[in-house]
Amino acid sequence: MAGSTESPVSARSAVSSLSAISAISAASSISAISAVSPPPFDRRDLALAALVVVAGLLTFGWMAYSALSDIGGDLVQMAAPGTAELDLDKAGGYTIFYEDVSVLEGRFYSTGEAVPPGLVIEVIDLSSGEELDLSPPFGSSTYSFSGRSRRSIAAFEIDHPGVYRMTASYPPGTEGPQVVLAVGTGLFGGIISKIVVAIAALLGSVAAGAAILIRGERKREREEERLREEDRILRRKGI
């Protein structure tokens, strides 16, 4: 009797055909996807980011070097006992420093860390003849740099620029070593501001460089998505 059951050979052939069609379809899909390669990163963005970071590094180095070079640069030195005229060009606070290791007029001084006992300091406004009040410094500062060692010992305020005379002496009938004093607006005010600017320039350049790279990556992702969308449209149209 003739049966309608499909032979095992025909069934196996059908399964093989379906598997082959699925494999071909998957391979075609993979080929279509891989045909859209992501666009390369824009070299101009890389160059611009590198340029910004290098500029920040150079600015940081220059500002840091300038700050270190300025340490003690605005101080007026004098030998004590002795007298010096100070041409102070701005109102505000000034600090008197004792330099236990210093060089003045070609002479090297190393006079010990302690201020010589009995040393008397006076500051007089030459425009009025008024003696200024000396006070303890606002916070004690000590530093050693470039072969010099200083520490703050007194401070005074002026309300107008002008020429002031500073005299340092020992009481009558007493003697003491010759030491070096220095007067200035302080050690670290301008230095700290320069270092802050240097750090801000460095961090700002790194942030700007990172922003350029992020923008470039997003632009590349948008371009890749556009290419994939174009590929999908062409494949739907059978092109």
Protein backbone atom coordinates (compact mmCIF):
# COMPACT_ATOMS: atom_id res chain seq x y z
CA MET A 1 0.00 0.00 0.00
CA ALA A 2 1.34 3.37 -1.01
CA GLY A 3 2.04 5.53 2.01
CA SER A 4 2.14 9.33 2.28
CA THR A 5 4.94 9.41 4.90
CA GLU A 6 8.00 11.37 3.81
CA SER A 7 11.15 9.29 3.58
CA PRO A 8 13.93 9.81 6.17
CA VAL A 9 16.30 10.86 3.40
CA SER A 10 13.96 13.64 2.24
CA ALA A 11 13.53 14.90 5.83
CA ARG A 12 17.23 15.01 6.41
CA SER A 13 17.65 16.91 3.13
CA ALA A 14 15.06 19.48 4.21
CA VAL A 15 16.72 20.00 7.57
CA SER A 16 20.10 20.40 5.89
CA SER A 17 18.65 22.94 3.47
CA LEU A 18 17.11 24.96 6.30
CA SER A 19 20.40 24.92 8.22
CA ALA A 20 22.30 26.06 5.16
CA ILE A 21 19.82 28.89 4.54
CA SER A 22 20.08 30.00 8.19
CA ALA A 23 23.87 29.93 8.07
CA ILE A 24 23.91 31.90 4.83
CA SER A 25 21.46 34.44 6.28
CA ALA A 26 23.50 34.83 9.48
CA ALA A 27 26.72 35.18 7.51
CA SER A 28 25.08 37.81 5.31
CA SER A 29 23.89 39.72 8.37
CA ILE A 30 27.34 39.59 9.93
CA SER A 31 28.92 40.72 6.69
CA ALA A 32 26.43 43.58 6.41
CA ILE A 33 27.15 44.72 9.96
CA SER A 34 30.90 44.39 9.63
CA ALA A 35 30.78 46.23 6.31
CA VAL A 36 30.15 49.44 8.28
CA SER A 37 33.52 50.11 9.93
CA PRO A 38 33.65 52.81 12.58
CA PRO A 39 35.24 56.02 11.33
CA PRO A 40 38.72 56.76 12.68
CA PHE A 41 39.27 59.34 15.40
CA ASP A 42 39.85 62.81 13.95
CA ARG A 43 43.57 63.50 14.14
CA ARG A 44 42.89 67.22 14.36
CA ASP A 45 41.12 66.70 17.68
CA LEU A 46 44.04 64.64 18.96
CA ALA A 47 46.53 67.31 17.87
CA LEU A 48 44.45 70.12 19.40
CA ALA A 49 44.06 68.28 22.73
CA ALA A 50 47.80 67.58 22.86
CA LEU A 51 48.58 71.22 22.04
CA VAL A 52 46.31 72.49 24.82
CA VAL A 53 47.85 70.14 27.42
CA VAL A 54 51.41 71.02 26.36
CA ALA A 55 50.56 74.73 26.61
CA GLY A 56 49.22 74.14 30.12
CA LEU A 57 52.38 72.28 31.13
CA LEU A 58 54.58 75.08 29.78
CA THR A 59 52.52 77.71 31.59
CA PHE A 60 52.70 75.70 34.82
CA GLY A 61 56.48 75.34 34.52
CA TRP A 62 57.03 79.00 33.75
CA MET A 63 54.78 80.24 36.58
CA ALA A 64 56.35 77.82 39.09
CA TYR A 65 59.85 78.90 38.08
CA SER A 66 58.84 82.56 38.29
CA ALA A 67 57.38 82.02 41.77
CA LEU A 68 60.54 80.34 43.03
CA SER A 69 62.70 83.06 41.48
CA ASP A 70 60.68 85.72 43.29
CA ILE A 71 61.37 84.34 46.76
CA GLY A 72 62.92 87.20 48.65
CA GLY A 73 63.26 89.28 45.48
CA ASP A 74 61.35 92.27 46.88
CA LEU A 75 63.29 92.43 50.16
CA VAL A 76 65.62 95.34 50.98
CA GLN A 77 68.66 94.23 52.98
CA MET A 78 70.68 96.19 55.50
CA ALA A 79 73.54 95.51 57.89
CA ALA A 80 72.83 95.96 61.58
CA PRO A 81 73.85 97.89 63.52
CA GLY A 82 73.29 100.45 60.81
CA THR A 83 70.77 102.61 58.97
CA ALA A 84 68.93 102.17 55.67
CA GLU A 85 66.43 104.30 53.78
CA LEU A 86 63.48 102.32 52.50
CA ASP A 87 61.62 103.59 49.43
CA LEU A 88 58.30 101.84 50.02
CA ASP A 89 56.03 102.19 47.00
CA LYS A 90 52.70 101.04 48.41
CA ALA A 91 50.72 101.33 51.61
CA GLY A 92 50.09 98.29 53.77
CA GLY A 93 51.94 95.89 55.96
CA TYR A 94 55.68 95.18 55.87
CA THR A 95 57.73 92.52 57.61
CA ILE A 96 61.24 92.75 59.06
CA PHE A 97 63.31 89.59 58.68
CA TYR A 98 66.45 88.46 60.44
CA GLU A 99 68.81 86.64 58.05
CA ASP A 100 71.03 84.27 59.96
CA VAL A 101 72.62 82.99 56.73
CA SER A 102 73.02 85.65 54.06
CA VAL A 103 75.23 87.51 51.63
CA LEU A 104 75.37 91.31 51.61
CA GLU A 105 77.71 93.42 49.48
CA GLY A 106 79.89 90.42 48.79
CA ARG A 107 80.22 89.44 52.43
CA PHE A 108 78.94 86.12 53.75
CA TYR A 109 77.07 86.13 57.08
CA SER A 110 76.32 83.17 59.33
CA THR A 111 75.22 84.58 62.68
CA GLY A 112 73.18 81.80 64.31
CA GLU A 113 69.47 81.24 64.46
CA ALA A 114 68.80 83.38 67.53
CA VAL A 115 68.35 87.13 67.12
CA PRO A 116 71.18 88.91 68.97
CA PRO A 117 69.86 90.08 72.36
CA GLY A 118 69.43 93.82 72.84
CA LEU A 119 69.06 94.67 69.14
CA VAL A 120 66.75 97.69 68.86
CA ILE A 121 64.94 98.50 65.58
CA GLU A 122 63.24 101.81 64.74
CA VAL A 123 61.36 102.84 61.59
CA ILE A 124 60.73 106.56 60.99
CA ASP A 125 58.54 108.23 58.35
CA LEU A 126 60.88 110.87 56.87
CA SER A 127 57.96 112.95 55.57
CA SER A 128 56.61 113.54 59.09
CA GLY A 129 59.41 112.43 61.41
CA GLU A 130 56.96 110.07 63.11
CA GLU A 131 58.25 106.79 64.49
CA LEU A 132 56.17 103.81 63.45
CA ASP A 133 54.93 101.19 65.88
CA LEU A 134 56.52 97.77 65.48
CA SER A 135 54.53 94.66 66.28
CA PRO A 136 55.12 90.91 66.23
CA PRO A 137 54.76 89.48 62.71
CA PHE A 138 51.44 88.04 61.67
CA GLY A 139 52.44 84.40 61.92
CA SER A 140 56.06 83.34 62.07
CA SER A 141 57.66 82.41 58.77
CA THR A 142 61.04 80.79 58.32
CA TYR A 143 62.60 79.52 55.13
CA SER A 144 65.92 78.63 53.55
CA PHE A 145 66.41 79.11 49.84
CA SER A 146 69.28 79.82 47.46
CA GLY A 147 71.88 79.89 50.22
CA ARG A 148 69.90 82.23 52.49
CA SER A 149 67.96 81.62 55.67
CA ARG A 150 65.42 84.11 57.04
CA ARG A 151 62.78 84.36 59.69
CA SER A 152 60.31 87.11 60.46
CA ILE A 153 60.87 89.05 63.68
CA ALA A 154 58.70 92.20 63.46
CA ALA A 155 56.12 94.00 61.33
CA PHE A 156 54.81 97.52 60.76
CA GLU A 157 52.08 99.29 58.78
CA ILE A 158 52.31 102.39 56.57
CA ASP A 159 49.32 104.37 55.31
CA HIS A 160 51.06 106.02 52.38
CA PRO A 161 54.03 105.31 50.08
CA GLY A 162 57.23 107.19 50.76
CA VAL A 163 60.75 107.04 52.11
CA TYR A 164 61.23 105.56 55.55
CA ARG A 165 64.40 105.23 57.59
CA MET A 166 65.10 102.03 59.48
CA THR A 167 67.75 102.04 62.19
CA ALA A 168 69.03 98.99 64.03
CA SER A 169 71.39 99.39 66.99
CA TYR A 170 72.46 98.01 70.33
CA PRO A 171 71.87 99.95 73.55
CA PRO A 172 74.62 102.43 74.48
CA GLY A 173 77.57 100.78 76.13
CA THR A 174 76.79 97.33 74.69
CA GLU A 175 78.14 95.52 71.70
CA GLY A 176 76.74 92.84 69.50
CA PRO A 177 77.49 91.00 66.29
CA GLN A 178 76.86 92.50 62.89
CA VAL A 179 73.86 90.84 61.32
CA VAL A 180 71.69 91.23 58.24
CA LEU A 181 68.09 92.43 58.33
CA ALA A 182 65.66 92.59 55.42
CA VAL A 183 62.36 94.41 54.87
CA GLY A 184 59.60 93.49 52.46
CA THR A 185 55.91 92.84 52.02
CA GLY A 186 56.35 89.20 52.96
CA LEU A 187 57.66 85.99 51.51
CA PHE A 188 54.76 84.04 50.15
CA GLY A 189 51.87 86.35 49.20
CA GLY A 190 52.81 86.81 45.55
CA ILE A 191 54.40 83.37 45.37
CA ILE A 192 51.21 81.61 46.46
CA SER A 193 49.13 83.56 43.92
CA LYS A 194 51.50 82.54 41.11
CA ILE A 195 51.44 78.91 42.19
CA VAL A 196 47.63 78.97 42.30
CA VAL A 197 47.57 80.40 38.76
CA ALA A 198 50.08 77.75 37.63
CA ILE A 199 48.00 74.89 39.06
CA ALA A 200 44.80 76.38 37.59
CA ALA A 201 46.46 76.61 34.17
CA LEU A 202 47.61 72.97 34.36
CA LEU A 203 44.26 71.59 35.52
CA GLY A 204 42.40 73.80 33.05
CA SER A 205 44.50 72.56 30.14
CA VAL A 206 43.96 68.92 31.13
CA ALA A 207 40.21 69.51 31.43
CA ALA A 208 40.11 71.31 28.08
CA GLY A 209 42.09 68.51 26.41
CA ALA A 210 39.73 65.90 27.86
CA ALA A 211 36.71 67.89 26.65
CA ILE A 212 38.16 68.01 23.13
CA LEU A 213 38.70 64.23 23.13
CA ILE A 214 35.20 63.56 24.48
CA ARG A 215 33.69 65.83 21.85
CA GLY A 216 35.68 64.03 19.15
CA GLU A 217 34.55 60.62 20.40
CA ARG A 218 30.91 61.68 20.39
CA LYS A 219 31.29 63.07 16.90
CA ARG A 220 32.80 59.76 15.79
CA GLU A 221 29.94 57.80 17.38
CA ARG A 222 27.35 59.97 15.60
CA GLU A 223 29.13 59.43 12.29
CA GLU A 224 29.22 55.68 12.88
CA GLU A 225 25.51 55.63 13.65
CA ARG A 226 24.79 57.63 10.50
CA LEU A 227 26.75 55.12 8.40
CA ARG A 228 24.88 52.19 9.96
CA GLU A 229 21.55 53.86 9.30
CA GLU A 230 22.50 54.45 5.66
CA ASP A 231 23.54 50.80 5.39
CA ARG A 232 20.20 49.62 6.83
CA ILE A 233 18.29 51.79 4.35
CA LEU A 234 20.31 50.46 1.41
CA ARG A 235 19.79 46.87 2.52
CA ARG A 236 16.02 47.40 2.84
CA LYS A 237 15.98 48.71 -0.71
CA GLY A 238 17.96 45.69 -1.84
CA ILE A 239 20.95 47.76 -3.02
